[in-house]
Amino acid sequence: MNSKFKDILLTARGYYLAFGAMSKTQYFSRDEILCYQVNSLRKIFISAYNHIPYYQKLFWDFDFDPSRFKDLEDLQALPVLTKKEVLAAPHNFFSAVNIPRSIELHTSGTTGNPLTAFTSPEQWIVEQAAIWRHWNWAGYHFRDRMVVFRSYSPKADQPIYKLDHLRNWLYVSPYHLDESNVLSILKRLQIWRPKFLRGYPSSLYLVAKIAINHGIQIPSLVGALTASEVLTDEYREVIESAFNIKVFDHYGQAEISAMAHECESHNGLHLLDDYAYTELLEGEHSGERRLIATNLFNETMPLIRYDTGDKVVPSKEPCKCGRVFQKISRVIGRADQLLVHGTGHFIPSINFYTYFAKRPDILRFQIIQSSSNKIEVRLQLSEDAQNDAVEESVRQELEMRFGCIVDIIVGEDFIMSEEGKCNAIIQKIV
């Protein structure tokens, strides 16, 4: 099946699921949710034991019988799984039976170590349904006009925006948000009259700042949908005040582990208990928790008790919306730094995580910015990589994106923090 047609088909099925079964599960009682999670997890565990080497051994070693799983507390018998363990032997974590029909995904690799994950078509339908449902919370309906500041990287001879006629979305390059381009886009939007903005919080923040500075209003807007970066209080305040709208934030991962959404009450984010079973374990600092998650539907590559690497602040305050999903007040562990283009405007660093995640010949990267006219990029390459070709392609791509000189250093000499963490982005001028 053509990949584009397959994506449209699964997205459409997700749309119908969002307004069918998932429109009901969001209002389950707590007891109904717990029963739903237990039944879903039992199915996942049985499949994992039958088809996945890592879990066959793990369940045997810990005397864990998936067919007898009846209580969420039983999960405490299993250890927490780390990304490092999955990266060390990824082939031990997916089902060879399900791989041929699965969908391949890549984490953004915020520490410079991207992970390839696989998901079943059934889980991808749930993924789409959860997102459709969230957008419905915001008031979005299919083919409402939306401006998307993400997922578009034009070539040198292409315009900085393109229109998706099927969805009625206008994609704008997040790499070209200098003041002149943003003003031109804003004036077009006044005529086009979109209802929603969607994109990285940092990108929408930059657009909003320019709109405020020039007194530009877009009265047709009713909401903004943010994702992929931490939505800071400052970003939210500027976006909402610039366009007189409310922001609806989304949290998720390419590993298909957990998902959280901000509802119409705007009082924290709901962890989607009909999507994953999540545990909030004690963190290093008071008030924060480590987010541990087990997806309820991904039989292709189930990550059981997976440490997402993210930290959150829990909230026990009930939500006025009536949903009893677990709630967090905010995510604190995924702040992406802004990088500076050669012309002086900001560009979100998440774009570079995505770019390097699609390069299997690059094992790890680090971007160091000490000035707006020069970038240093350190790369660790795979053994079979052609160094000269990789260096040249990366240099050309990043010089186009940054608009400045890019120095490439190949090797394993990375700047490490005192805790031993290798930060992918080191920003010295912002």
Protein backbone atom coordinates (compact mmCIF):
# COMPACT_ATOMS: atom_id res chain seq x y z
CA MET A 1 0.00 0.00 0.00
CA ASN A 2 1.26 3.49 -0.87
CA SER A 3 2.67 5.05 2.33
CA LYS A 4 0.84 8.36 1.81
CA PHE A 5 -2.47 6.60 1.20
CA LYS A 6 -1.84 4.37 4.25
CA ASP A 7 -1.23 7.43 6.42
CA ILE A 8 -4.46 9.05 5.20
CA LEU A 9 -6.39 5.83 5.85
CA LEU A 10 -5.05 5.38 9.40
CA THR A 11 -5.61 9.07 10.17
CA ALA A 12 -9.20 8.80 8.96
CA ARG A 13 -9.78 5.71 11.11
CA GLY A 14 -8.31 7.62 14.04
CA TYR A 15 -10.76 10.45 13.37
CA TYR A 16 -13.74 8.10 13.64
CA LEU A 17 -12.30 6.43 16.75
CA ALA A 18 -11.90 9.84 18.40
CA PHE A 19 -15.62 10.54 18.05
CA GLY A 20 -16.60 6.95 18.79
CA ALA A 21 -15.05 4.83 21.56
CA MET A 22 -12.54 7.46 22.73
CA SER A 23 -15.26 10.05 23.17
CA LYS A 24 -16.63 7.71 25.85
CA THR A 25 -13.43 6.51 27.57
CA GLN A 26 -12.45 10.11 28.38
CA TYR A 27 -15.40 10.22 30.80
CA PHE A 28 -14.89 6.80 32.39
CA SER A 29 -15.00 6.59 36.18
CA ARG A 30 -11.73 5.82 37.94
CA ASP A 31 -12.74 2.19 38.44
CA GLU A 32 -13.67 1.85 34.77
CA ILE A 33 -10.30 3.29 33.74
CA LEU A 34 -8.37 0.88 35.98
CA CYS A 35 -10.30 -2.10 34.56
CA TYR A 36 -9.68 -0.84 31.02
CA GLN A 37 -5.94 -0.50 31.69
CA VAL A 38 -5.60 -3.96 33.26
CA ASN A 39 -7.36 -5.70 30.36
CA SER A 40 -5.34 -3.78 27.76
CA LEU A 41 -2.02 -4.42 29.50
CA ARG A 42 -2.72 -8.14 29.92
CA LYS A 43 -3.10 -8.44 26.15
CA ILE A 44 0.14 -6.51 25.58
CA PHE A 45 2.07 -8.61 28.10
CA ILE A 46 0.90 -11.92 26.63
CA SER A 47 1.88 -10.78 23.15
CA ALA A 48 5.27 -9.56 24.43
CA TYR A 49 5.98 -12.90 26.12
CA ASN A 50 5.06 -14.83 22.96
CA HIS A 51 7.03 -12.75 20.46
CA ILE A 52 9.73 -10.57 22.05
CA PRO A 53 13.08 -12.02 23.30
CA TYR A 54 13.70 -9.40 25.99
CA TYR A 55 10.34 -9.95 27.68
CA GLN A 56 10.49 -13.72 27.43
CA LYS A 57 13.62 -13.65 29.55
CA LEU A 58 12.48 -10.80 31.81
CA PHE A 59 9.15 -12.40 32.71
CA TRP A 60 10.87 -15.73 33.36
CA ASP A 61 13.55 -14.14 35.57
CA PHE A 62 10.98 -12.22 37.64
CA ASP A 63 8.40 -15.02 37.76
CA PHE A 64 5.87 -12.76 36.04
CA ASP A 65 2.94 -14.63 34.47
CA PRO A 66 1.24 -12.25 31.98
CA SER A 67 -1.88 -14.44 31.71
CA ARG A 68 -2.54 -13.95 35.43
CA PHE A 69 -2.09 -10.19 35.41
CA LYS A 70 -5.08 -8.74 37.29
CA ASP A 71 -3.79 -5.79 39.28
CA LEU A 72 -1.70 -2.76 38.30
CA GLU A 73 0.30 -3.23 41.48
CA ASP A 74 1.70 -6.45 39.95
CA LEU A 75 3.73 -4.27 37.59
CA GLN A 76 5.95 -3.23 40.49
CA ALA A 77 7.56 -6.67 40.26
CA LEU A 78 9.24 -5.60 37.00
CA PRO A 79 12.18 -3.19 36.78
CA VAL A 80 12.04 0.24 35.17
CA LEU A 81 13.32 0.18 31.58
CA THR A 82 15.76 2.87 30.44
CA LYS A 83 16.41 4.27 26.99
CA LYS A 84 20.05 3.23 27.36
CA GLU A 85 18.98 -0.43 27.63
CA VAL A 86 16.83 -0.16 24.50
CA LEU A 87 19.59 1.58 22.51
CA ALA A 88 22.07 -1.14 23.49
CA ALA A 89 20.03 -3.90 21.80
CA PRO A 90 16.94 -2.49 20.02
CA HIS A 91 16.33 -5.76 18.12
CA ASN A 92 15.48 -7.45 21.44
CA PHE A 93 12.49 -5.17 22.00
CA PHE A 94 10.34 -5.57 18.90
CA SER A 95 8.19 -8.34 17.56
CA ALA A 96 9.58 -9.85 14.34
CA VAL A 97 6.08 -11.10 13.56
CA ASN A 98 4.62 -7.58 13.58
CA ILE A 99 7.54 -5.62 12.06
CA PRO A 100 6.52 -6.06 8.36
CA ARG A 101 3.26 -4.16 8.92
CA SER A 102 4.57 -1.70 11.47
CA ILE A 103 5.31 2.04 11.24
CA GLU A 104 8.86 3.25 11.88
CA LEU A 105 9.35 6.33 14.06
CA HIS A 106 12.38 8.25 15.34
CA THR A 107 12.85 10.08 18.61
CA SER A 108 14.20 13.62 18.31
CA GLY A 109 17.29 12.60 20.32
CA THR A 110 17.57 15.58 22.65
CA THR A 111 20.79 14.12 24.10
CA GLY A 112 22.16 13.42 20.63
CA ASN A 113 21.20 9.72 20.73
CA PRO A 114 18.04 9.19 18.66
CA LEU A 115 16.06 5.97 19.05
CA THR A 116 14.22 4.14 16.28
CA ALA A 117 10.86 2.85 17.48
CA PHE A 118 8.16 0.79 15.79
CA THR A 119 4.41 0.91 16.28
CA SER A 120 1.56 -1.24 15.09
CA PRO A 121 -1.10 0.22 12.76
CA GLU A 122 -3.67 -0.38 15.51
CA GLN A 123 -1.69 1.79 17.93
CA TRP A 124 -1.18 4.47 15.27
CA ILE A 125 -4.95 4.71 14.87
CA VAL A 126 -5.23 5.29 18.64
CA GLU A 127 -2.44 7.86 18.34
CA GLN A 128 -4.35 9.80 15.72
CA ALA A 129 -7.60 9.44 17.63
CA ALA A 130 -6.07 10.93 20.79
CA ILE A 131 -4.81 13.93 18.82
CA TRP A 132 -8.12 14.45 17.00
CA ARG A 133 -9.89 14.31 20.36
CA HIS A 134 -7.52 16.92 21.82
CA TRP A 135 -8.06 19.24 18.89
CA ASN A 136 -11.81 18.82 19.40
CA TRP A 137 -11.32 19.99 23.00
CA ALA A 138 -9.84 23.15 21.48
CA GLY A 139 -12.81 23.56 19.13
CA TYR A 140 -11.06 22.43 15.93
CA HIS A 141 -13.11 20.76 13.20
CA PHE A 142 -11.83 19.01 10.09
CA ARG A 143 -10.67 21.48 7.42
CA ASP A 144 -10.76 24.48 9.71
CA ARG A 145 -8.03 26.76 8.41
CA MET A 146 -4.80 26.23 10.34
CA VAL A 147 -1.32 27.75 10.10
CA VAL A 148 1.40 25.23 10.98
CA PHE A 149 4.82 26.51 12.04
CA ARG A 150 6.58 23.12 11.88
CA SER A 151 7.15 20.08 9.63
CA TYR A 152 8.27 22.13 6.62
CA SER A 153 11.89 22.66 5.55
CA PRO A 154 11.96 24.27 2.09
CA LYS A 155 14.87 23.98 -0.31
CA ALA A 156 16.74 27.07 -1.46
CA ASP A 157 14.47 27.53 -4.49
CA GLN A 158 11.19 26.90 -2.66
CA PRO A 159 8.84 29.39 -0.95
CA ILE A 160 8.84 29.55 2.84
CA TYR A 161 5.23 28.37 3.01
CA LYS A 162 3.01 25.83 1.26
CA LEU A 163 -0.71 25.01 1.35
CA ASP A 164 -2.06 21.54 2.08
CA HIS A 165 -5.34 21.68 0.16
CA LEU A 166 -6.77 18.47 1.62
CA ARG A 167 -6.43 19.54 5.25
CA ASN A 168 -6.70 23.28 4.52
CA TRP A 169 -3.45 23.91 6.42
CA LEU A 170 -0.81 26.48 5.58
CA TYR A 171 2.68 25.21 6.47
CA VAL A 172 5.27 27.88 7.28
CA SER A 173 8.99 27.15 7.58
CA PRO A 174 10.18 27.59 11.20
CA TYR A 175 13.67 28.26 9.77
CA HIS A 176 12.69 31.54 8.18
CA LEU A 177 11.03 33.50 10.96
CA ASP A 178 12.91 36.75 10.57
CA GLU A 179 10.88 39.91 11.05
CA SER A 180 10.38 40.64 7.35
CA ASN A 181 9.06 37.14 6.60
CA VAL A 182 6.82 37.04 9.67
CA LEU A 183 5.28 40.42 8.83
CA SER A 184 4.56 39.21 5.31
CA ILE A 185 2.96 36.01 6.64
CA LEU A 186 0.88 37.88 9.21
CA LYS A 187 -0.52 40.21 6.56
CA ARG A 188 -1.46 37.22 4.40
CA LEU A 189 -3.16 35.59 7.38
CA GLN A 190 -5.32 38.64 7.93
CA ILE A 191 -6.74 37.98 4.47
CA TRP A 192 -6.76 34.14 4.66
CA ARG A 193 -8.50 34.21 8.08
CA PRO A 194 -7.23 31.02 9.78
CA LYS A 195 -8.92 29.69 12.94
CA PHE A 196 -5.91 27.95 14.53
CA LEU A 197 -2.17 28.25 14.94
CA ARG A 198 -0.10 25.12 15.44
CA GLY A 199 3.61 24.68 16.02
CA TYR A 200 6.56 24.72 18.36
CA PRO A 201 5.96 27.04 21.34
CA SER A 202 9.16 28.95 20.55
CA SER A 203 8.09 29.51 16.93
CA LEU A 204 4.61 30.75 17.85
CA TYR A 205 6.18 32.94 20.53
CA LEU A 206 8.43 34.62 17.96
CA VAL A 207 5.50 35.22 15.62
CA ALA A 208 3.42 36.59 18.49
CA LYS A 209 6.19 38.96 19.61
CA ILE A 210 6.44 40.45 16.13
CA ALA A 211 2.65 40.75 15.91
CA ILE A 212 2.60 42.65 19.22
CA ASN A 213 5.48 44.91 18.21
CA HIS A 214 3.68 45.91 15.00
CA GLY A 215 0.15 45.98 16.39
CA ILE A 216 -1.09 43.26 14.04
CA GLN A 217 -4.32 41.45 14.92
CA ILE A 218 -5.84 38.32 13.37
CA PRO A 219 -9.45 38.34 14.68
CA SER A 220 -10.35 35.04 13.00
CA LEU A 221 -8.07 33.03 15.34
CA VAL A 222 -9.75 31.01 18.10
CA GLY A 223 -6.90 28.88 19.48
CA ALA A 224 -3.31 27.62 19.29
CA LEU A 225 -2.02 24.04 19.46
CA THR A 226 1.53 23.63 20.78
CA ALA A 227 3.79 20.57 21.01
CA SER A 228 7.37 19.19 20.96
CA GLU A 229 8.85 21.77 23.34
CA VAL A 230 8.12 22.88 26.87
CA LEU A 231 5.50 25.62 26.82
CA THR A 232 6.89 28.19 29.24
CA ASP A 233 4.67 30.66 31.09
CA GLU A 234 6.25 33.47 29.08
CA TYR A 235 5.54 31.78 25.76
CA ARG A 236 1.92 31.13 26.74
CA GLU A 237 1.32 34.69 27.95
CA VAL A 238 2.75 36.29 24.81
CA ILE A 239 0.93 33.96 22.37
CA GLU A 240 -2.41 34.34 24.12
CA SER A 241 -2.19 38.10 24.56
CA ALA A 242 -0.98 38.73 21.00
CA PHE A 243 -3.93 36.99 19.37
CA ASN A 244 -6.54 37.00 22.17
CA ILE A 245 -6.77 33.20 22.13
CA LYS A 246 -6.12 30.23 24.41
CA VAL A 247 -3.26 27.74 23.99
CA PHE A 248 -3.89 23.97 24.14
CA ASP A 249 -0.64 22.15 24.86
CA HIS A 250 0.26 18.59 23.83
CA TYR A 251 2.89 16.26 25.29
CA GLY A 252 3.94 13.02 23.60
CA GLN A 253 6.88 10.94 22.42
CA ALA A 254 7.97 9.05 19.34
CA GLU A 255 8.56 6.00 21.56
CA ILE A 256 4.75 5.72 21.89
CA SER A 257 4.88 5.67 25.69
CA ALA A 258 2.70 8.39 27.20
CA MET A 259 0.59 11.33 26.08
CA ALA A 260 -0.85 14.32 27.94
CA HIS A 261 -3.23 17.04 26.80
CA GLU A 262 -4.42 20.39 28.06
CA CYS A 263 -8.20 20.60 28.13
CA GLU A 264 -10.61 23.51 27.88
CA SER A 265 -10.19 24.27 31.62
CA HIS A 266 -6.51 25.21 31.09
CA ASN A 267 -5.43 23.97 34.50
CA GLY A 268 -2.60 21.52 33.77
CA LEU A 269 -2.42 18.54 31.43
CA HIS A 270 -4.33 15.26 31.54
CA LEU A 271 -2.22 12.11 31.23
CA LEU A 272 -4.32 10.02 28.84
CA ASP A 273 -5.17 6.95 30.92
CA ASP A 274 -6.96 5.37 27.94
CA TYR A 275 -3.67 5.60 25.98
CA ALA A 276 -1.04 4.51 28.53
CA TYR A 277 -0.54 3.46 32.12
CA THR A 278 1.73 6.02 33.76
CA GLU A 279 3.58 6.04 37.04
CA LEU A 280 4.96 9.16 38.71
CA LEU A 281 8.03 8.10 40.68
CA GLU A 282 10.06 10.28 43.03
CA GLY A 283 12.50 12.60 41.25
CA GLU A 284 15.77 14.12 42.34
CA HIS A 285 14.17 17.37 43.48
CA SER A 286 11.23 18.03 45.75
CA GLY A 287 7.89 18.30 43.96
CA GLU A 288 9.02 16.72 40.69
CA ARG A 289 8.36 13.18 39.48
CA ARG A 290 9.91 10.87 36.89
CA LEU A 291 7.39 9.89 34.24
CA ILE A 292 7.34 6.09 33.77
CA ALA A 293 4.97 4.80 31.10
CA THR A 294 3.58 1.66 29.48
CA ASN A 295 1.53 2.08 26.32
CA LEU A 296 -1.73 0.10 26.18
CA PHE A 297 -1.80 -0.85 22.50
CA ASN A 298 1.62 -1.10 20.83
CA GLU A 299 2.22 -4.83 20.39
CA THR A 300 5.05 -4.29 17.89
CA MET A 301 7.49 -2.63 20.30
CA PRO A 302 5.99 -2.43 23.79
CA LEU A 303 8.21 -0.56 26.23
CA ILE A 304 7.06 -1.77 29.64
CA ARG A 305 7.67 0.58 32.58
CA TYR A 306 9.70 2.81 30.30
CA ASP A 307 11.52 5.76 31.84
CA THR A 308 10.63 8.56 29.43
CA GLY A 309 13.49 10.69 30.75
CA ASP A 310 11.01 13.49 31.39
CA LYS A 311 10.17 15.06 34.72
CA VAL A 312 6.76 16.44 35.60
CA VAL A 313 5.01 18.21 38.46
CA PRO A 314 1.93 16.22 39.58
CA SER A 315 -1.42 17.81 40.37
CA LYS A 316 -4.09 16.34 42.65
CA GLU A 317 -6.58 19.11 41.98
CA PRO A 318 -9.68 17.72 40.21
CA CYS A 319 -10.44 19.23 36.84
CA LYS A 320 -13.61 21.18 36.15
CA CYS A 321 -13.95 19.41 32.79
CA GLY A 322 -15.14 16.22 34.53
CA ARG A 323 -12.41 13.92 33.22
CA VAL A 324 -10.71 11.87 35.94
CA PHE A 325 -7.49 11.12 34.06
CA GLN A 326 -4.33 11.63 36.10
CA LYS A 327 -3.22 15.24 35.91
CA ILE A 328 0.10 17.05 35.91
CA SER A 329 0.53 20.78 36.36
CA ARG A 330 3.44 20.93 33.91
CA VAL A 331 6.29 19.13 32.16
CA ILE A 332 9.70 20.39 33.28
CA GLY A 333 12.14 18.07 31.57
CA ARG A 334 12.11 18.91 27.86
CA ALA A 335 13.05 22.56 27.51
CA ASP A 336 14.66 23.13 24.12
CA GLN A 337 16.98 26.07 23.73
CA LEU A 338 16.59 28.56 20.94
CA LEU A 339 19.38 28.90 18.40
CA VAL A 340 20.17 32.13 16.58
CA HIS A 341 20.10 32.50 12.80
CA GLY A 342 22.86 34.47 11.08
CA THR A 343 20.43 37.35 10.51
CA GLY A 344 19.66 37.51 14.24
CA HIS A 345 16.24 35.86 14.54
CA PHE A 346 15.63 32.71 16.57
CA ILE A 347 15.02 29.19 15.30
CA PRO A 348 13.85 26.25 17.47
CA SER A 349 16.44 23.57 18.20
CA ILE A 350 13.90 20.74 17.87
CA ASN A 351 14.31 21.03 14.09
CA PHE A 352 17.92 19.92 14.36
CA TYR A 353 17.11 16.96 16.58
CA THR A 354 14.68 15.81 13.89
CA TYR A 355 17.22 16.33 11.09
CA PHE A 356 19.95 14.29 12.78
CA ALA A 357 17.48 11.56 13.81
CA LYS A 358 16.97 10.84 10.10
CA ARG A 359 20.72 10.38 9.52
CA PRO A 360 21.69 6.74 10.38
CA ASP A 361 25.34 7.54 9.51
CA ILE A 362 25.48 9.99 12.45
CA LEU A 363 25.48 8.33 15.87
CA ARG A 364 25.65 11.49 17.97
CA PHE A 365 25.79 15.21 17.43
CA GLN A 366 26.45 18.38 19.39
CA ILE A 367 25.79 21.94 18.25
CA ILE A 368 27.76 24.70 19.98
CA GLN A 369 26.87 28.32 19.29
CA SER A 370 29.16 31.07 20.54
CA SER A 371 28.09 33.80 18.10
CA SER A 372 25.37 34.47 15.54
CA ASN A 373 27.79 34.18 12.62
CA LYS A 374 29.46 30.87 13.46
CA ILE A 375 28.29 27.41 14.57
CA GLU A 376 30.42 24.47 15.64
CA VAL A 377 28.99 20.99 15.07
CA ARG A 378 30.60 17.89 16.55
CA LEU A 379 29.69 14.53 15.05
CA GLN A 380 30.27 10.91 15.97
CA LEU A 381 29.80 8.82 12.82
CA SER A 382 29.02 5.17 12.21
CA GLU A 383 31.87 2.89 11.19
CA ASP A 384 30.72 2.62 7.56
CA ALA A 385 30.08 6.36 7.13
CA GLN A 386 31.96 8.22 4.41
CA ASN A 387 33.40 11.02 6.51
CA ASP A 388 34.06 13.57 3.77
CA ALA A 389 30.62 13.11 2.23
CA VAL A 390 28.87 13.35 5.59
CA GLU A 391 30.81 16.46 6.59
CA GLU A 392 29.99 18.20 3.33
CA SER A 393 26.28 17.32 3.34
CA VAL A 394 25.85 18.40 6.97
CA ARG A 395 27.78 21.62 6.38
CA GLN A 396 25.68 22.54 3.34
CA GLU A 397 22.39 21.71 5.11
CA LEU A 398 23.18 23.61 8.31
CA GLU A 399 24.71 26.62 6.56
CA MET A 400 21.44 26.89 4.65
CA ARG A 401 19.42 26.60 7.88
CA PHE A 402 21.63 28.88 9.99
CA GLY A 403 22.70 31.39 7.35
CA CYS A 404 26.25 31.47 8.74
CA ILE A 405 29.59 29.61 8.79
CA VAL A 406 29.42 26.03 10.12
CA ASP A 407 32.53 24.22 11.35
CA ILE A 408 32.33 20.42 11.45
CA ILE A 409 34.44 18.33 13.86
CA VAL A 410 34.26 14.54 13.50
CA GLY A 411 35.28 12.32 16.41
CA GLU A 412 34.20 11.51 19.93
CA ASP A 413 35.35 14.70 21.65
CA PHE A 414 32.09 16.04 23.05
CA ILE A 415 31.56 18.61 25.79
CA MET A 416 30.17 16.83 28.84
CA SER A 417 28.47 18.25 31.93
CA GLU A 418 29.69 17.54 35.44
CA GLU A 419 26.97 14.88 35.73
CA GLY A 420 28.27 13.17 32.58
CA LYS A 421 25.44 14.32 30.33
CA CYS A 422 26.23 15.19 26.73
CA ASN A 423 23.90 18.04 25.82
CA ALA A 424 23.09 18.13 22.13
CA ILE A 425 22.65 21.92 22.16
CA ILE A 426 25.08 24.24 23.91
CA GLN A 427 23.92 27.82 23.55
CA LYS A 428 26.40 30.47 24.76
CA ILE A 429 24.88 33.67 23.42
CA VAL A 430 21.16 33.62 24.39
